[in-house]
Amino acid sequence: QKNIELRLYESHESAMKHGAPLAEKIVKKDSGARIGGVNTVRTGYGAYAVAGNVVMMCELELSSCENLINALESN
């Protein structure tokens, strides 16, 4: 199972300006971080892709998102 989260924006420009920086922060989060003595929950996203007006959060690796993009383009 590979989880992919889709975040829709009004335009590609908006996805790049607002979505990509947020996705970058999520991907960089440390899974072992502790805040106030409580373990934080791992986001589970190891990569992201921007396709048109969509930011795709990919669970394990970028190829998960690329496969979905390719499947959608072929339909």
N, C-alpha and C. Protein backbone atom coordinates (compact mmCIF):
# COMPACT_ATOMS: atom_id res chain seq x y z
N GLN A 1 0.85 -1.19 0.00
CA GLN A 1 0.00 0.00 0.00
C GLN A 1 0.88 1.23 0.00
N LYS A 2 0.53 2.18 -0.86
CA LYS A 2 1.27 3.43 -0.95
C LYS A 2 0.28 4.58 -0.83
N ASN A 3 0.41 5.36 0.22
CA ASN A 3 -0.48 6.51 0.40
C ASN A 3 0.03 7.70 -0.39
N ILE A 4 -0.92 8.37 -1.05
CA ILE A 4 -0.62 9.60 -1.77
C ILE A 4 -1.70 10.61 -1.38
N GLU A 5 -1.27 11.77 -0.92
CA GLU A 5 -2.21 12.83 -0.56
C GLU A 5 -2.17 13.89 -1.65
N LEU A 6 -3.35 14.30 -2.12
CA LEU A 6 -3.45 15.32 -3.15
C LEU A 6 -3.94 16.61 -2.54
N ARG A 7 -3.24 17.70 -2.82
CA ARG A 7 -3.65 19.02 -2.35
C ARG A 7 -3.88 19.89 -3.58
N LEU A 8 -5.13 20.33 -3.75
CA LEU A 8 -5.51 21.09 -4.95
C LEU A 8 -5.42 22.59 -4.70
N TYR A 9 -4.91 23.31 -5.70
CA TYR A 9 -4.78 24.76 -5.64
C TYR A 9 -5.46 25.37 -6.87
N GLU A 10 -5.69 26.67 -6.84
CA GLU A 10 -6.37 27.35 -7.94
C GLU A 10 -5.59 27.29 -9.25
N SER A 11 -4.27 27.30 -9.17
CA SER A 11 -3.44 27.33 -10.36
C SER A 11 -2.09 26.67 -10.06
N HIS A 12 -1.33 26.45 -11.12
CA HIS A 12 0.01 25.90 -10.95
C HIS A 12 0.88 26.88 -10.16
N GLU A 13 0.73 28.17 -10.48
CA GLU A 13 1.51 29.19 -9.77
C GLU A 13 1.22 29.17 -8.27
N SER A 14 -0.04 29.01 -7.91
CA SER A 14 -0.43 28.95 -6.50
C SER A 14 0.12 27.69 -5.84
N ALA A 15 0.08 26.58 -6.56
CA ALA A 15 0.63 25.33 -6.03
C ALA A 15 2.12 25.47 -5.76
N MET A 16 2.83 26.13 -6.67
CA MET A 16 4.26 26.33 -6.50
C MET A 16 4.57 27.31 -5.37
N LYS A 17 3.79 28.38 -5.29
CA LYS A 17 4.05 29.44 -4.30
C LYS A 17 3.65 29.02 -2.89
N HIS A 18 2.50 28.38 -2.75
CA HIS A 18 1.98 28.06 -1.42
C HIS A 18 2.13 26.58 -1.05
N GLY A 19 1.88 25.70 -2.00
CA GLY A 19 1.88 24.27 -1.70
C GLY A 19 3.26 23.65 -1.61
N ALA A 20 4.14 24.00 -2.54
CA ALA A 20 5.47 23.40 -2.55
C ALA A 20 6.27 23.69 -1.28
N PRO A 21 6.27 24.93 -0.76
CA PRO A 21 7.01 25.17 0.49
C PRO A 21 6.46 24.36 1.67
N LEU A 22 5.14 24.20 1.75
CA LEU A 22 4.56 23.39 2.83
C LEU A 22 4.94 21.93 2.67
N ALA A 23 4.89 21.44 1.44
CA ALA A 23 5.27 20.05 1.17
C ALA A 23 6.73 19.81 1.54
N GLU A 24 7.57 20.77 1.22
CA GLU A 24 9.00 20.66 1.55
C GLU A 24 9.20 20.53 3.06
N LYS A 25 8.47 21.31 3.83
CA LYS A 25 8.58 21.24 5.30
C LYS A 25 8.13 19.88 5.81
N ILE A 26 7.05 19.35 5.25
CA ILE A 26 6.53 18.05 5.69
C ILE A 26 7.53 16.94 5.39
N VAL A 27 8.12 16.97 4.21
CA VAL A 27 9.08 15.94 3.81
C VAL A 27 10.33 15.99 4.70
N LYS A 28 10.73 17.18 5.13
CA LYS A 28 11.95 17.33 5.93
C LYS A 28 11.76 17.03 7.41
N LYS A 29 10.52 16.86 7.88
CA LYS A 29 10.29 16.62 9.30
C LYS A 29 11.04 15.39 9.78
N ASP A 30 11.61 15.49 10.97
CA ASP A 30 12.34 14.39 11.59
C ASP A 30 11.34 13.46 12.26
N SER A 31 11.34 12.18 11.86
CA SER A 31 10.39 11.23 12.41
C SER A 31 10.65 10.93 13.89
N GLY A 32 11.84 11.23 14.39
CA GLY A 32 12.16 10.94 15.78
C GLY A 32 12.07 12.16 16.69
N ALA A 33 11.47 13.22 16.22
CA ALA A 33 11.42 14.45 17.00
C ALA A 33 10.57 14.28 18.26
N ARG A 34 10.95 14.97 19.30
CA ARG A 34 10.18 14.96 20.54
C ARG A 34 9.87 16.39 20.91
N ILE A 35 8.61 16.64 21.22
CA ILE A 35 8.19 17.98 21.61
C ILE A 35 7.54 17.88 22.98
N GLY A 36 8.09 18.57 23.96
CA GLY A 36 7.52 18.56 25.30
C GLY A 36 7.41 17.16 25.90
N GLY A 37 8.36 16.29 25.58
CA GLY A 37 8.35 14.94 26.14
C GLY A 37 7.40 13.98 25.43
N VAL A 38 6.76 14.44 24.36
CA VAL A 38 5.83 13.59 23.62
C VAL A 38 6.40 13.32 22.24
N ASN A 39 6.38 12.06 21.82
CA ASN A 39 6.85 11.74 20.47
C ASN A 39 5.89 12.31 19.45
N THR A 40 6.44 12.93 18.42
CA THR A 40 5.60 13.43 17.34
C THR A 40 5.27 12.29 16.38
N VAL A 41 4.20 12.43 15.65
CA VAL A 41 3.78 11.41 14.70
C VAL A 41 4.50 11.64 13.38
N ARG A 42 5.05 10.59 12.83
CA ARG A 42 5.72 10.70 11.52
C ARG A 42 4.66 10.99 10.47
N THR A 43 4.98 11.88 9.55
CA THR A 43 4.03 12.26 8.50
C THR A 43 3.82 11.13 7.51
N GLY A 44 4.85 10.33 7.29
CA GLY A 44 4.74 9.24 6.36
C GLY A 44 5.00 9.63 4.91
N TYR A 45 5.38 10.86 4.65
CA TYR A 45 5.64 11.30 3.28
C TYR A 45 7.13 11.54 3.09
N GLY A 46 7.69 10.84 2.11
CA GLY A 46 9.11 10.95 1.86
C GLY A 46 9.46 11.82 0.68
N ALA A 47 8.44 12.21 -0.11
CA ALA A 47 8.69 13.02 -1.30
C ALA A 47 7.40 13.72 -1.71
N TYR A 48 7.53 14.67 -2.64
CA TYR A 48 6.35 15.32 -3.18
C TYR A 48 6.60 15.70 -4.63
N ALA A 49 5.50 15.92 -5.34
CA ALA A 49 5.58 16.35 -6.74
C ALA A 49 4.51 17.40 -6.97
N VAL A 50 4.78 18.32 -7.89
CA VAL A 50 3.79 19.31 -8.29
C VAL A 50 3.45 19.01 -9.75
N ALA A 51 2.17 18.75 -9.99
CA ALA A 51 1.68 18.47 -11.35
C ALA A 51 0.50 19.37 -11.61
N GLY A 52 0.71 20.38 -12.46
CA GLY A 52 -0.37 21.34 -12.72
C GLY A 52 -0.70 22.10 -11.45
N ASN A 53 -1.97 22.04 -11.04
CA ASN A 53 -2.40 22.75 -9.84
C ASN A 53 -2.49 21.82 -8.62
N VAL A 54 -1.81 20.67 -8.68
CA VAL A 54 -1.88 19.68 -7.61
C VAL A 54 -0.51 19.46 -7.00
N VAL A 55 -0.46 19.46 -5.66
CA VAL A 55 0.73 19.04 -4.94
C VAL A 55 0.43 17.64 -4.43
N MET A 56 1.27 16.69 -4.81
CA MET A 56 1.09 15.28 -4.43
C MET A 56 2.12 14.92 -3.37
N MET A 57 1.65 14.51 -2.21
CA MET A 57 2.53 14.04 -1.15
C MET A 57 2.67 12.52 -1.32
N CYS A 58 3.91 12.03 -1.46
CA CYS A 58 4.18 10.63 -1.75
C CYS A 58 4.71 9.93 -0.50
N GLU A 59 4.09 8.81 -0.16
CA GLU A 59 4.43 8.12 1.08
C GLU A 59 5.89 7.69 1.16
N LEU A 60 6.34 6.96 0.18
CA LEU A 60 7.67 6.38 0.27
C LEU A 60 8.70 7.07 -0.61
N GLU A 61 8.38 7.23 -1.86
CA GLU A 61 9.34 7.82 -2.79
C GLU A 61 8.61 8.49 -3.94
N LEU A 62 9.32 9.29 -4.68
CA LEU A 62 8.73 10.06 -5.76
C LEU A 62 8.12 9.18 -6.85
N SER A 63 8.64 7.99 -7.05
CA SER A 63 8.12 7.11 -8.10
C SER A 63 6.65 6.76 -7.86
N SER A 64 6.20 6.75 -6.61
CA SER A 64 4.78 6.50 -6.32
C SER A 64 3.91 7.57 -6.97
N CYS A 65 4.30 8.81 -6.84
CA CYS A 65 3.55 9.92 -7.44
C CYS A 65 3.71 9.92 -8.95
N GLU A 66 4.91 9.65 -9.44
CA GLU A 66 5.14 9.63 -10.88
C GLU A 66 4.28 8.59 -11.56
N ASN A 67 4.12 7.42 -10.95
CA ASN A 67 3.28 6.36 -11.51
C ASN A 67 1.83 6.83 -11.62
N LEU A 68 1.34 7.53 -10.61
CA LEU A 68 -0.03 8.04 -10.65
C LEU A 68 -0.18 9.10 -11.73
N ILE A 69 0.78 10.01 -11.84
CA ILE A 69 0.74 11.04 -12.87
C ILE A 69 0.71 10.40 -14.25
N ASN A 70 1.56 9.42 -14.48
CA ASN A 70 1.61 8.74 -15.78
C ASN A 70 0.30 8.02 -16.08
N ALA A 71 -0.30 7.38 -15.08
CA ALA A 71 -1.56 6.68 -15.28
C ALA A 71 -2.68 7.67 -15.63
N LEU A 72 -2.70 8.82 -14.98
CA LEU A 72 -3.74 9.82 -15.27
C LEU A 72 -3.55 10.43 -16.65
N GLU A 73 -2.31 10.66 -17.06
CA GLU A 73 -2.04 11.24 -18.36
C GLU A 73 -2.41 10.30 -19.50
N SER A 74 -2.32 9.00 -19.27
CA SER A 74 -2.61 8.03 -20.33
C SER A 74 -4.10 7.80 -20.53
N ASN A 75 -4.94 8.32 -19.62
CA ASN A 75 -6.39 8.16 -19.75
C ASN A 75 -7.03 9.32 -20.44
